[in-house]
Amino acid sequence: MPLTDNAYGLEEIQKTLLDMMKEVDRVCREKEIRYTLAGGTMLGAIRHQGFIPWDDDLDIAFPKEDWDRFLKVFPEESQRYTVTLTDTWVPRVVPREPINGEIPFIDLFHYADVKGSGMGFKLKVFALKTLQGMLKDKVDYSAYPAKYRPLLMGTYALGRLFPKKWKLGWYRRIADRWNRGNGSLVHVPDGDFRVLHRVWPVEYTLTCVDVPFEDTALSVSSHYDEMLTRQYGDYMTPPPEDKRVAAHTAQRKKS
């Protein structure tokens, strides 16, 4: 259903992100690249048939081989948008030029083969969490529970000792080379530190269905119910009003 509700003041950025996502979807369909809406974007597609009204970003995820192809193909196929690999540990689709003084983005996550248990997996998750803290440019500690703040402060200080290029290189090697399994389980190694431990059966990532999203149709995992239930519980019930806030405005500002 088309965007009409601007109660949270996000209609403009959501329209921009939708335009970007239509271009992503076009290239993926033409090149037979599999993807699924992910996280809050998947939730919005199922619960709202579009954006969560207070959401100001867009997340998608790919099987590893499709992710690799997308990162290479998309910049060649799109005139208005490209992919950045150097902004953060998550590759992003961004416009080639700022839009209204901002740089909106789509996060491009991927599913990596993993054993998913044991000390090796715990060590991998710990290493990725540490590097995420080391890679943060600015940290709003008030946005995190108190129990996480000492780790964030320590890793941020440690990260200042090393060039960003080194840290990104370490992150991506660990993400795809550590604790590899037999192909039956995957996790999202470039996800938020609070979900790095979450493991999925590989079949959840391989088959998708089209669902309505605003005025178009986009791809989601055919196992969206299992995935959303695990992530959000009763996902069809919206959160309390005081939890309905946009989270990425500062990241979009042109530096």
Protein backbone atom coordinates (compact mmCIF):
# COMPACT_ATOMS: atom_id res chain seq x y z
CA MET A 1 0.00 0.00 0.00
CA PRO A 2 1.42 3.41 -0.94
CA LEU A 3 3.02 5.58 1.69
CA THR A 4 0.41 7.90 3.17
CA ASP A 5 1.03 8.02 6.92
CA ASN A 6 3.59 10.67 7.87
CA ALA A 7 2.81 10.66 11.59
CA TYR A 8 6.48 10.09 12.42
CA GLY A 9 7.87 12.58 9.89
CA LEU A 10 9.62 9.86 7.87
CA GLU A 11 7.65 9.84 4.62
CA GLU A 12 10.43 11.52 2.62
CA ILE A 13 13.22 9.17 3.69
CA GLN A 14 10.97 6.13 3.28
CA LYS A 15 10.09 7.17 -0.27
CA THR A 16 13.80 7.55 -1.03
CA LEU A 17 14.62 4.14 0.44
CA LEU A 18 11.74 2.56 -1.47
CA ASP A 19 13.09 3.99 -4.73
CA MET A 20 16.52 2.57 -3.88
CA MET A 21 15.05 -0.81 -3.00
CA LYS A 22 13.15 -1.02 -6.28
CA GLU A 23 16.47 -0.62 -8.07
CA VAL A 24 18.04 -3.33 -5.90
CA ASP A 25 15.10 -5.63 -6.62
CA ARG A 26 15.29 -4.93 -10.36
CA VAL A 27 18.96 -5.89 -10.56
CA CYS A 28 18.48 -8.97 -8.39
CA ARG A 29 15.65 -10.26 -10.56
CA GLU A 30 17.48 -9.56 -13.81
CA LYS A 31 20.65 -11.28 -12.56
CA GLU A 32 18.84 -14.06 -10.64
CA ILE A 33 20.35 -13.04 -7.31
CA ARG A 34 18.47 -14.27 -4.24
CA TYR A 35 17.75 -11.91 -1.37
CA THR A 36 15.30 -11.54 1.48
CA LEU A 37 14.10 -8.52 3.40
CA ALA A 38 15.55 -8.85 6.90
CA GLY A 39 14.99 -7.73 10.47
CA GLY A 40 12.63 -4.81 10.89
CA THR A 41 12.15 -4.53 7.13
CA MET A 42 10.84 -8.10 6.99
CA LEU A 43 8.65 -7.34 9.98
CA GLY A 44 7.27 -4.24 8.26
CA ALA A 45 6.51 -6.19 5.10
CA ILE A 46 4.46 -8.79 6.98
CA ARG A 47 2.79 -6.60 9.63
CA HIS A 48 2.35 -3.34 7.69
CA GLN A 49 2.70 -4.43 4.04
CA GLY A 50 5.49 -1.85 3.84
CA PHE A 51 7.69 0.15 6.17
CA ILE A 52 7.13 0.09 9.90
CA PRO A 53 5.77 3.67 10.20
CA TRP A 54 8.56 4.75 12.57
CA ASP A 55 11.38 2.93 10.73
CA ASP A 56 13.99 4.91 8.79
CA ASP A 57 16.23 2.24 7.30
CA LEU A 58 16.01 -0.85 5.12
CA ASP A 59 17.78 -4.19 5.63
CA ILE A 60 18.21 -7.11 3.25
CA ALA A 61 20.20 -10.33 3.45
CA PHE A 62 21.65 -12.75 0.90
CA PRO A 63 23.08 -16.26 0.80
CA LYS A 64 26.86 -15.81 0.70
CA GLU A 65 27.34 -16.60 -3.00
CA ASP A 66 24.51 -14.24 -4.00
CA TRP A 67 25.90 -11.50 -1.73
CA ASP A 68 29.30 -11.79 -3.43
CA ARG A 69 27.68 -11.50 -6.86
CA PHE A 70 25.51 -8.54 -5.82
CA LEU A 71 28.46 -6.56 -4.48
CA LYS A 72 30.17 -6.94 -7.85
CA VAL A 73 27.20 -6.61 -10.21
CA PHE A 74 25.07 -3.88 -8.66
CA PRO A 75 27.49 -0.94 -9.14
CA GLU A 76 27.86 -1.96 -12.80
CA GLU A 77 24.11 -2.15 -13.39
CA SER A 78 22.82 0.91 -11.52
CA GLN A 79 23.45 4.45 -12.69
CA ARG A 80 22.04 6.22 -9.61
CA TYR A 81 23.31 3.98 -6.81
CA THR A 82 26.41 2.06 -5.86
CA VAL A 83 27.82 -0.08 -3.03
CA THR A 84 30.19 1.12 -0.33
CA LEU A 85 32.44 -1.34 1.50
CA THR A 86 34.35 1.14 3.63
CA ASP A 87 31.70 2.98 5.67
CA THR A 88 31.21 0.22 8.25
CA TRP A 89 31.51 -3.56 8.53
CA VAL A 90 28.15 -3.86 6.72
CA PRO A 91 28.27 -3.13 2.97
CA ARG A 92 25.62 -0.63 1.94
CA VAL A 93 23.76 0.53 -1.13
CA VAL A 94 24.11 4.32 -1.25
CA PRO A 95 23.31 7.03 -3.81
CA ARG A 96 26.17 8.18 -5.98
CA GLU A 97 25.37 11.74 -4.86
CA PRO A 98 23.81 12.93 -1.56
CA ILE A 99 20.04 13.36 -1.59
CA ASN A 100 18.81 16.49 0.19
CA GLY A 101 22.11 16.73 2.02
CA GLU A 102 21.91 13.17 3.33
CA ILE A 103 23.23 9.77 2.32
CA PRO A 104 20.43 7.22 2.80
CA PHE A 105 21.50 3.59 2.77
CA ILE A 106 20.34 0.01 2.56
CA ASP A 107 22.29 -2.46 4.71
CA LEU A 108 23.45 -5.59 2.88
CA PHE A 109 23.81 -8.52 5.28
CA HIS A 110 24.74 -12.06 4.36
CA TYR A 111 24.35 -15.58 5.71
CA ALA A 112 27.62 -17.39 6.38
CA ASP A 113 28.15 -21.10 6.91
CA VAL A 114 28.85 -21.87 10.57
CA LYS A 115 29.01 -24.80 12.98
CA GLY A 116 26.88 -22.78 15.36
CA SER A 117 27.94 -24.26 18.68
CA GLY A 118 30.97 -24.94 20.81
CA MET A 119 33.91 -22.83 21.87
CA GLY A 120 34.93 -22.03 18.29
CA PHE A 121 31.60 -20.36 17.59
CA LYS A 122 31.68 -18.46 20.88
CA LEU A 123 35.18 -17.22 20.07
CA LYS A 124 34.05 -16.07 16.62
CA VAL A 125 31.09 -14.14 18.06
CA PHE A 126 33.33 -12.54 20.69
CA ALA A 127 35.90 -11.50 18.05
CA LEU A 128 33.21 -9.96 15.84
CA LYS A 129 31.66 -8.09 18.77
CA THR A 130 35.07 -6.73 19.71
CA LEU A 131 35.77 -5.56 16.18
CA GLN A 132 32.35 -3.93 15.90
CA GLY A 133 33.20 -1.86 18.95
CA MET A 134 36.62 -1.06 17.50
CA LEU A 135 35.06 0.09 14.21
CA LYS A 136 32.49 2.48 15.67
CA ASP A 137 33.24 6.13 14.88
CA LYS A 138 30.78 7.62 17.34
CA VAL A 139 28.96 5.84 20.14
CA ASP A 140 25.79 7.00 21.87
CA TYR A 141 26.26 4.96 25.04
CA SER A 142 22.81 5.95 26.30
CA ALA A 143 21.30 3.84 23.51
CA TYR A 144 22.74 0.65 25.03
CA PRO A 145 21.91 -1.19 28.25
CA ALA A 146 24.36 -0.47 31.07
CA LYS A 147 25.78 -4.00 30.98
CA TYR A 148 27.14 -3.42 27.46
CA ARG A 149 28.73 -0.01 28.05
CA PRO A 150 32.09 -1.12 29.57
CA LEU A 151 32.73 -3.39 26.57
CA LEU A 152 31.75 -0.62 24.15
CA MET A 153 34.03 1.89 25.84
CA GLY A 154 36.96 -0.52 25.96
CA THR A 155 36.67 -1.69 22.36
CA TYR A 156 36.21 1.87 21.10
CA ALA A 157 39.44 2.91 22.84
CA LEU A 158 41.28 -0.14 21.47
CA GLY A 159 40.04 0.56 17.97
CA ARG A 160 41.65 3.99 17.90
CA LEU A 161 45.05 2.26 17.78
CA PHE A 162 44.52 0.69 14.34
CA PRO A 163 43.67 1.96 10.82
CA LYS A 164 40.09 1.35 9.72
CA LYS A 165 41.26 -0.60 6.67
CA TRP A 166 42.99 -3.14 8.90
CA LYS A 167 39.96 -3.54 11.15
CA LEU A 168 37.60 -4.06 8.21
CA GLY A 169 39.97 -6.65 6.77
CA TRP A 170 40.13 -8.54 10.05
CA TYR A 171 36.36 -8.41 10.39
CA ARG A 172 35.63 -9.82 6.97
CA ARG A 173 38.18 -12.62 7.26
CA ILE A 174 36.76 -13.72 10.61
CA ALA A 175 33.18 -13.40 9.37
CA ASP A 176 33.57 -15.92 6.56
CA ARG A 177 36.53 -18.11 7.54
CA TRP A 178 36.11 -18.89 11.22
CA ASN A 179 34.02 -21.82 12.53
CA ARG A 180 32.81 -22.97 9.13
CA GLY A 181 30.42 -25.88 9.24
CA ASN A 182 29.02 -28.49 6.87
CA GLY A 183 26.55 -26.21 5.08
CA SER A 184 23.49 -26.98 7.19
CA LEU A 185 23.56 -23.91 9.46
CA VAL A 186 24.20 -20.20 8.89
CA HIS A 187 24.36 -16.98 10.86
CA VAL A 188 24.60 -13.29 9.94
CA PRO A 189 28.21 -12.34 10.80
CA ASP A 190 27.69 -8.68 9.87
CA GLY A 191 24.55 -8.30 11.99
CA ASP A 192 24.10 -6.26 15.14
CA PHE A 193 26.23 -7.54 18.03
CA ARG A 194 23.09 -8.60 19.89
CA VAL A 195 22.14 -11.14 17.20
CA LEU A 196 25.50 -12.53 16.08
CA HIS A 197 24.85 -15.70 18.08
CA ARG A 198 21.57 -16.43 16.28
CA VAL A 199 21.84 -19.50 14.02
CA TRP A 200 19.41 -20.51 11.27
CA PRO A 201 18.89 -23.67 9.20
CA VAL A 202 20.33 -22.95 5.77
CA GLU A 203 17.01 -23.76 4.08
CA TYR A 204 15.53 -20.62 5.68
CA THR A 205 17.80 -18.56 3.42
CA LEU A 206 17.35 -20.37 0.11
CA THR A 207 13.65 -20.11 -0.77
CA CYS A 208 11.69 -16.87 -0.89
CA VAL A 209 8.23 -15.56 -1.72
CA ASP A 210 7.08 -12.17 -2.92
CA VAL A 211 4.99 -10.11 -0.51
CA PRO A 212 3.38 -6.65 -0.86
CA PHE A 213 5.61 -3.76 0.20
CA GLU A 214 4.09 -0.30 -0.24
CA ASP A 215 3.30 -0.03 -3.98
CA THR A 216 5.47 -2.94 -5.10
CA ALA A 217 6.31 -6.55 -4.16
CA LEU A 218 9.60 -7.63 -2.60
CA SER A 219 11.23 -10.92 -1.64
CA VAL A 220 11.14 -12.47 1.85
CA SER A 221 12.20 -15.86 3.16
CA SER A 222 9.42 -18.41 2.84
CA HIS A 223 10.18 -19.15 6.52
CA TYR A 224 9.39 -15.59 7.60
CA ASP A 225 6.97 -16.72 10.30
CA GLU A 226 9.58 -18.84 12.08
CA MET A 227 12.22 -16.13 11.72
CA LEU A 228 10.03 -13.28 12.94
CA THR A 229 8.63 -15.32 15.82
CA ARG A 230 12.12 -16.11 17.04
CA GLN A 231 13.27 -12.50 16.70
CA TYR A 232 10.19 -10.68 17.97
CA GLY A 233 7.83 -13.15 19.63
CA ASP A 234 4.28 -11.93 18.97
CA TYR A 235 5.44 -9.95 15.98
CA MET A 236 1.99 -8.87 14.80
CA THR A 237 1.52 -6.75 17.94
CA PRO A 238 3.25 -3.33 17.66
CA PRO A 239 5.47 -2.15 20.55
CA PRO A 240 4.37 0.50 23.08
CA GLU A 241 4.19 4.04 21.74
CA ASP A 242 7.34 5.15 23.59
CA LYS A 243 9.38 2.48 21.75
CA ARG A 244 8.37 3.69 18.29
CA VAL A 245 11.39 5.78 17.37
CA ALA A 246 13.62 6.19 14.32
CA ALA A 247 17.18 5.00 14.86
CA HIS A 248 19.37 6.03 11.92
CA THR A 249 18.94 9.76 11.32
CA ALA A 250 22.45 10.67 12.46
CA GLN A 251 24.05 7.99 10.26
CA ARG A 252 22.45 9.46 7.13
CA LYS A 253 23.84 12.97 7.60
CA LYS A 254 26.43 13.93 5.02
CA SER A 255 29.80 14.33 6.69
